[in-house]
């Protein structure tokens, strides 16, 4: 669970660094920032419109509506309706999505981003990508093993331990063969 202070810090950053088409977006963001009880139930996700109660704020570079709230499949773009829905149902989870350029390169955004319970990110990852990541991690593990063996070989040489040197060198050579597969 993301801390309220972190969410607040991100939303303040968002207001100060992202331009929106409608000033009402900033009003609603400020309302969330100033009401800790509501902010406690806010979850910053992707795919917020796929949730039971989600809101999307889009910056000026986006062509779609700058602000959309969905409640049980019904969408609202009127800022007054959106504000009153948030204010009246503050105890319910609100899934908030922020669409702005280079969001995936923004450390503050990534630090508060949560997995969407209705649209989990790993449900959309292809098996090919999963396999690619697994292979990469296995390769990294072997590289780390090789580095450790090299350090142990250096220690064996420094200590004049010929037997350990031969065993470790043999192990390193076998590992190197699997690294290039």
Protein backbone atom coordinates (compact mmCIF):
# COMPACT_ATOMS: atom_id res chain seq x y z
CA UNK A 1 0.00 0.00 0.00
CA UNK A 2 1.31 3.41 -0.97
CA UNK A 3 1.71 6.01 1.79
CA UNK A 4 -0.65 9.03 1.67
CA UNK A 5 2.33 11.41 1.85
CA UNK A 6 3.84 9.83 -1.28
CA UNK A 7 0.54 10.15 -3.15
CA UNK A 8 0.23 13.77 -2.07
CA UNK A 9 3.81 14.50 -3.13
CA UNK A 10 3.18 12.99 -6.57
CA UNK A 11 -0.08 14.90 -7.08
CA UNK A 12 1.65 18.16 -6.11
CA UNK A 13 4.40 17.34 -8.62
CA UNK A 14 1.74 16.60 -11.24
CA UNK A 15 0.04 19.97 -10.73
CA UNK A 16 3.37 21.82 -10.90
CA UNK A 17 4.81 20.00 -13.91
CA UNK A 18 1.98 18.85 -16.18
CA UNK A 19 -0.35 21.12 -18.16
CA UNK A 20 -4.01 20.22 -18.41
CA UNK A 21 -6.68 21.45 -20.86
CA UNK A 22 -9.16 22.23 -18.10
CA UNK A 23 -8.44 24.04 -14.86
CA UNK A 24 -11.03 21.84 -13.14
CA UNK A 25 -8.49 18.99 -13.27
CA UNK A 26 -6.23 21.02 -11.00
CA UNK A 27 -9.14 21.88 -8.70
CA UNK A 28 -10.00 18.21 -8.25
CA UNK A 29 -6.34 17.26 -7.76
CA UNK A 30 -6.02 19.98 -5.10
CA UNK A 31 -9.18 18.69 -3.43
CA UNK A 32 -7.65 15.21 -3.25
CA UNK A 33 -4.34 16.60 -1.96
CA UNK A 34 -6.08 18.49 0.85
CA UNK A 35 -8.31 15.63 2.04
CA UNK A 36 -6.24 12.86 3.57
CA UNK A 37 -9.26 10.63 4.24
CA UNK A 38 -10.12 10.64 0.54
CA UNK A 39 -6.49 10.31 -0.56
CA UNK A 40 -6.18 7.20 1.61
CA UNK A 41 -8.70 5.52 -0.74
CA UNK A 42 -7.08 6.78 -3.96
CA UNK A 43 -5.03 4.25 -5.92
CA UNK A 44 -2.89 5.44 -8.82
CA UNK A 45 -3.16 2.84 -11.57
CA UNK A 46 -3.23 2.36 -15.31
CA UNK A 47 -6.51 1.43 -16.97
CA UNK A 48 -8.62 3.26 -14.37
CA UNK A 49 -11.67 3.26 -16.65
CA UNK A 50 -11.75 -0.54 -16.35
CA UNK A 51 -12.46 -0.30 -12.61
CA UNK A 52 -15.79 0.10 -10.81
CA UNK A 53 -14.87 3.67 -9.88
CA UNK A 54 -12.02 5.23 -11.82
CA UNK A 55 -10.94 8.63 -13.02
CA UNK A 56 -8.50 9.58 -15.77
CA UNK A 57 -6.70 12.92 -16.02
CA UNK A 58 -5.01 13.60 -19.38
CA UNK A 59 -2.50 16.33 -20.13
CA UNK A 60 -2.87 18.82 -23.00
CA UNK A 61 -1.04 16.58 -25.50
CA UNK A 62 -3.86 14.01 -25.44
CA UNK A 63 -6.80 14.18 -27.87
CA UNK A 64 -9.35 12.48 -25.60
CA UNK A 65 -11.38 14.13 -22.85
CA UNK A 66 -9.02 15.69 -20.29
CA UNK A 67 -11.04 14.28 -17.39
CA UNK A 68 -13.30 11.21 -17.33
CA UNK A 69 -14.85 9.45 -14.35
CA UNK A 70 -16.40 6.02 -14.67
CA UNK A 71 -18.72 4.61 -12.01
CA UNK A 72 -20.04 1.08 -12.54
CA UNK A 73 -19.55 1.44 -16.31
CA UNK A 74 -21.21 4.86 -16.60
CA UNK A 75 -18.91 7.70 -17.73
CA UNK A 76 -18.96 11.35 -16.66
CA UNK A 77 -16.99 14.28 -18.09
CA UNK A 78 -18.79 17.11 -16.28
CA UNK A 79 -16.47 18.48 -13.60
CA UNK A 80 -19.33 19.23 -11.16
CA UNK A 81 -20.65 15.67 -11.40
CA UNK A 82 -17.14 14.29 -10.97
CA UNK A 83 -16.43 16.49 -7.95
CA UNK A 84 -19.71 15.56 -6.23
CA UNK A 85 -19.17 11.84 -6.90
CA UNK A 86 -15.72 12.03 -5.29
CA UNK A 87 -17.00 14.11 -2.36
CA UNK A 88 -20.10 12.01 -1.65
CA UNK A 89 -18.44 8.59 -1.95
CA UNK A 90 -15.09 9.41 -0.39
CA UNK A 91 -15.02 6.12 1.58
CA UNK A 92 -14.96 4.04 -1.61
CA UNK A 93 -11.77 3.21 -3.52
CA UNK A 94 -11.05 5.62 -6.35
CA UNK A 95 -8.67 4.45 -9.06
CA UNK A 96 -6.85 7.39 -10.60
CA UNK A 97 -4.95 7.31 -13.89
CA UNK A 98 -2.65 10.13 -15.01
CA UNK A 99 -1.82 10.27 -18.71
CA UNK A 100 1.19 12.45 -19.55
CA UNK A 101 4.28 12.06 -21.77
CA UNK A 102 7.17 9.91 -20.56
CA UNK A 103 5.28 8.76 -17.48
CA UNK A 104 7.26 5.50 -17.45
CA UNK A 105 10.49 7.50 -17.12
CA UNK A 106 9.16 9.44 -14.13
CA UNK A 107 10.42 8.05 -10.81
CA UNK A 108 7.74 9.82 -8.75
CA UNK A 109 4.96 8.39 -10.89
CA UNK A 110 6.41 4.89 -10.80
CA UNK A 111 6.84 5.06 -7.01
CA UNK A 112 3.09 5.53 -6.47
CA UNK A 113 1.82 3.35 -9.32
CA UNK A 114 -0.17 0.35 -8.09
CA UNK A 115 -1.40 -2.74 -9.89
CA UNK A 116 -4.96 -2.32 -11.12
CA UNK A 117 -7.08 -5.08 -9.51
CA UNK A 118 -9.45 -5.09 -12.51
CA UNK A 119 -6.74 -4.92 -15.17
CA UNK A 120 -3.53 -6.44 -13.83
CA UNK A 121 -0.45 -5.54 -15.86
CA UNK A 122 0.85 -9.11 -15.87
CA UNK A 123 -2.37 -10.33 -17.51
CA UNK A 124 -1.38 -8.35 -20.59
CA UNK A 125 2.27 -9.46 -20.84
CA UNK A 126 2.84 -11.92 -23.65
CA UNK A 127 4.46 -15.29 -22.99
CA UNK A 128 7.26 -14.26 -25.34
CA UNK A 129 8.15 -11.30 -23.12
CA UNK A 130 7.90 -13.42 -19.96
CA UNK A 131 10.31 -15.94 -21.53
CA UNK A 132 12.64 -13.14 -22.61
CA UNK A 133 12.73 -11.70 -19.08
CA UNK A 134 13.29 -15.14 -17.53
CA UNK A 135 16.18 -15.83 -19.93
CA UNK A 136 17.70 -12.45 -19.17
CA UNK A 137 17.51 -13.10 -15.41
CA UNK A 138 19.06 -16.56 -15.81
CA UNK A 139 21.89 -15.03 -17.85
CA UNK A 140 22.44 -12.33 -15.21
CA UNK A 141 22.55 -15.00 -12.52
CA UNK A 142 25.21 -16.93 -14.45
CA UNK A 143 27.22 -13.72 -14.95
CA UNK A 144 27.11 -13.08 -11.20
CA UNK A 145 28.18 -16.68 -10.57
CA UNK A 146 31.11 -16.24 -12.97
CA UNK A 147 32.19 -13.04 -11.20
CA UNK A 148 32.09 -14.82 -7.84
CA UNK A 149 34.14 -17.73 -9.20
CA UNK A 150 36.74 -15.29 -10.59
CA UNK A 151 37.09 -13.69 -7.16
CA UNK A 152 37.43 -17.12 -5.53
CA UNK A 153 40.07 -18.08 -8.14
CA UNK A 154 42.01 -14.89 -7.35
CA UNK A 155 41.92 -15.75 -3.64
CA UNK A 156 43.08 -19.31 -4.35
CA UNK A 157 46.02 -17.92 -6.36
CA UNK A 158 46.90 -15.44 -3.62
CA UNK A 159 46.80 -18.24 -1.03
CA UNK A 160 48.78 -20.62 -3.26
CA UNK A 161 45.91 -23.14 -3.09
CA UNK A 162 46.51 -25.08 -6.33
CA UNK A 163 43.72 -27.63 -5.71
CA UNK A 164 41.04 -24.95 -5.18
CA UNK A 165 42.38 -23.03 -8.16
CA UNK A 166 41.98 -26.07 -10.45
CA UNK A 167 38.50 -26.96 -9.16
CA UNK A 168 37.25 -23.36 -9.41
CA UNK A 169 38.82 -22.85 -12.86
CA UNK A 170 37.14 -26.01 -14.11
CA UNK A 171 33.81 -24.83 -12.71
CA UNK A 172 34.27 -21.40 -14.34
CA UNK A 173 35.07 -22.99 -17.71
CA UNK A 174 31.93 -25.15 -17.53
CA UNK A 175 29.86 -22.10 -16.61
CA UNK A 176 31.32 -20.10 -19.52
CA UNK A 177 30.15 -22.83 -21.92
CA UNK A 178 26.56 -22.39 -20.71
CA UNK A 179 26.81 -18.58 -20.91
CA UNK A 180 27.28 -18.66 -24.68
CA UNK A 181 24.39 -21.04 -25.39
